[in-house]
Protein backbone atom coordinates (compact mmCIF):
# COMPACT_ATOMS: atom_id res chain seq x y z
CA UNK A 1 132.86 -84.16 10.43
CA UNK A 2 136.34 -83.34 9.19
CA UNK A 3 136.58 -82.15 5.62
CA UNK A 4 139.16 -80.59 3.33
CA UNK A 5 138.05 -77.04 4.22
CA UNK A 6 138.45 -77.85 7.92
CA UNK A 7 141.95 -79.19 7.32
CA UNK A 8 142.94 -76.13 5.28
CA UNK A 9 141.59 -73.81 7.94
CA UNK A 10 143.36 -75.78 10.66
CA UNK A 11 146.65 -75.50 8.78
CA UNK A 12 146.07 -71.75 8.51
CA UNK A 13 145.59 -71.41 12.25
CA UNK A 14 148.66 -73.53 13.02
CA UNK A 15 150.86 -71.48 10.65
CA UNK A 16 149.63 -68.22 12.18
CA UNK A 17 150.30 -69.47 15.71
CA UNK A 18 153.83 -70.53 14.74
CA UNK A 19 154.37 -67.17 13.04
CA UNK A 20 153.10 -65.23 16.05
CA UNK A 21 155.12 -67.29 18.51
CA UNK A 22 158.29 -66.71 16.49
CA UNK A 23 157.64 -62.97 16.41
CA UNK A 24 157.06 -62.91 20.17
CA UNK A 25 160.19 -64.94 20.92
CA UNK A 26 162.34 -62.84 18.60
CA UNK A 27 160.92 -59.50 19.62
CA UNK A 28 159.71 -58.86 16.07
CA UNK A 29 163.14 -59.01 14.48
CA UNK A 30 163.65 -61.48 11.66
CA UNK A 31 165.99 -64.34 12.52
CA UNK A 32 165.90 -63.61 16.26
CA UNK A 33 163.10 -66.08 17.01
CA UNK A 34 163.20 -69.85 16.81
CA UNK A 35 162.74 -69.80 13.02
CA UNK A 36 165.95 -69.00 11.14
CA UNK A 37 164.22 -66.66 8.67
CA UNK A 38 164.32 -62.94 8.12
CA UNK A 39 161.08 -61.01 8.48
CA UNK A 40 160.15 -61.09 4.79
CA UNK A 41 160.76 -64.81 4.39
CA UNK A 42 158.83 -65.54 7.57
CA UNK A 43 155.93 -63.42 6.35
CA UNK A 44 155.86 -65.08 2.95
CA UNK A 45 156.18 -68.60 4.36
CA UNK A 46 153.96 -68.34 7.43
CA UNK A 47 151.75 -65.33 6.73
CA UNK A 48 150.70 -65.61 3.11
CA UNK A 49 149.63 -69.29 3.03
CA UNK A 50 147.03 -68.87 5.81
CA UNK A 51 145.39 -66.06 3.86
CA UNK A 52 145.27 -68.09 0.66
CA UNK A 53 144.17 -71.28 2.43
CA UNK A 54 141.37 -69.43 4.23
CA UNK A 55 139.90 -68.17 0.97
CA UNK A 56 140.19 -71.64 -0.56
CA UNK A 57 138.55 -73.20 2.51
CA UNK A 58 135.62 -70.80 2.22
CA UNK A 59 135.01 -71.29 -1.48
CA UNK A 60 135.52 -75.09 -1.70
CA UNK A 61 132.37 -76.34 0.06
CA UNK A 62 129.13 -75.91 -1.83
CA UNK A 63 126.98 -78.16 0.32
CA UNK A 64 126.81 -78.84 3.16
CA UNK A 65 127.97 -75.65 4.83
CA UNK A 66 129.90 -76.04 8.08
CA UNK A 67 129.38 -73.92 11.19
CA UNK A 68 132.71 -75.16 12.57
CA UNK A 69 134.49 -73.92 9.47
CA UNK A 70 132.94 -70.51 9.98
CA UNK A 71 134.29 -70.38 13.52
CA UNK A 72 137.73 -71.44 12.32
CA UNK A 73 137.70 -68.69 9.70
CA UNK A 74 136.75 -66.15 12.36
CA UNK A 75 139.69 -67.33 14.51
CA UNK A 76 142.02 -67.06 11.51
CA UNK A 77 140.73 -63.56 10.77
CA UNK A 78 141.17 -62.55 14.40
CA UNK A 79 144.77 -63.81 14.46
CA UNK A 80 145.54 -61.83 11.30
CA UNK A 81 143.89 -58.71 12.77
CA UNK A 82 145.97 -59.10 15.94
CA UNK A 83 149.13 -59.41 13.84
CA UNK A 84 148.19 -56.29 11.91
CA UNK A 85 147.49 -54.38 15.11
CA UNK A 86 150.86 -55.39 16.54
CA UNK A 87 152.51 -54.32 13.29
CA UNK A 88 150.78 -50.95 13.54
CA UNK A 89 151.82 -50.63 17.16
CA UNK A 90 155.47 -51.24 16.41
CA UNK A 91 155.49 -49.13 13.24
CA UNK A 92 156.32 -45.94 15.13
CA UNK A 93 159.53 -47.49 16.44
CA UNK A 94 160.65 -48.66 13.01
CA UNK A 95 162.78 -46.87 10.47
CA UNK A 96 160.24 -47.94 7.82
CA UNK A 97 157.24 -46.62 9.74
CA UNK A 98 155.12 -45.77 6.71
CA UNK A 99 155.64 -49.18 5.11
CA UNK A 100 154.91 -51.04 8.35
CA UNK A 101 151.79 -48.96 8.95
CA UNK A 102 150.58 -49.80 5.45
CA UNK A 103 151.26 -53.49 5.96
CA UNK A 104 149.54 -53.47 9.35
CA UNK A 105 146.50 -51.71 7.95
CA UNK A 106 146.37 -54.14 5.05
CA UNK A 107 146.54 -57.08 7.43
CA UNK A 108 143.70 -55.69 9.50
CA UNK A 109 141.61 -55.35 6.34
CA UNK A 110 142.40 -58.87 5.15
CA UNK A 111 141.70 -60.28 8.61
CA UNK A 112 138.35 -58.50 8.68
CA UNK A 113 137.43 -59.96 5.29
CA UNK A 114 138.34 -63.49 6.41
CA UNK A 115 136.40 -63.06 9.66
CA UNK A 116 133.42 -61.79 7.64
CA UNK A 117 133.65 -64.88 5.43
CA UNK A 118 133.51 -66.93 8.62
CA UNK A 119 130.35 -65.10 9.64
CA UNK A 120 128.83 -65.75 6.22
CA UNK A 121 129.72 -69.44 6.53
CA UNK A 122 128.00 -69.64 9.93
CA UNK A 123 124.93 -67.84 8.61
CA UNK A 124 124.70 -70.11 5.55
CA UNK A 125 125.15 -73.23 7.68
CA UNK A 126 122.29 -72.13 9.94
CA UNK A 127 119.88 -71.96 6.99
CA UNK A 128 120.27 -75.65 6.18
């Protein structure tokens, strides 16, 4: 069954995939990928909405709980964790190494929280 939380979570995954593909194509430099945005604009437009939408998707459904939504949240969290790990990996090469390391660590933390919410959603859906 498709519901609003599923749609929100699907949009999150799609935005993160587009974001990641643009970073890979452009080598991590803003404006060098297929999106004509600098790094900050790309992060705000394609990185922030998936985080917000994931939290909304988790807190919208009261009943019934959805196991599929939990899996989608785990995928979203994993994609964010991967992005954070890549950011940490490239931080040493950057002139703003401390800032990038902080952002990467923050992304890993946020991704872990979203993945944990996915696990909670799966656990709650199993109790029904």
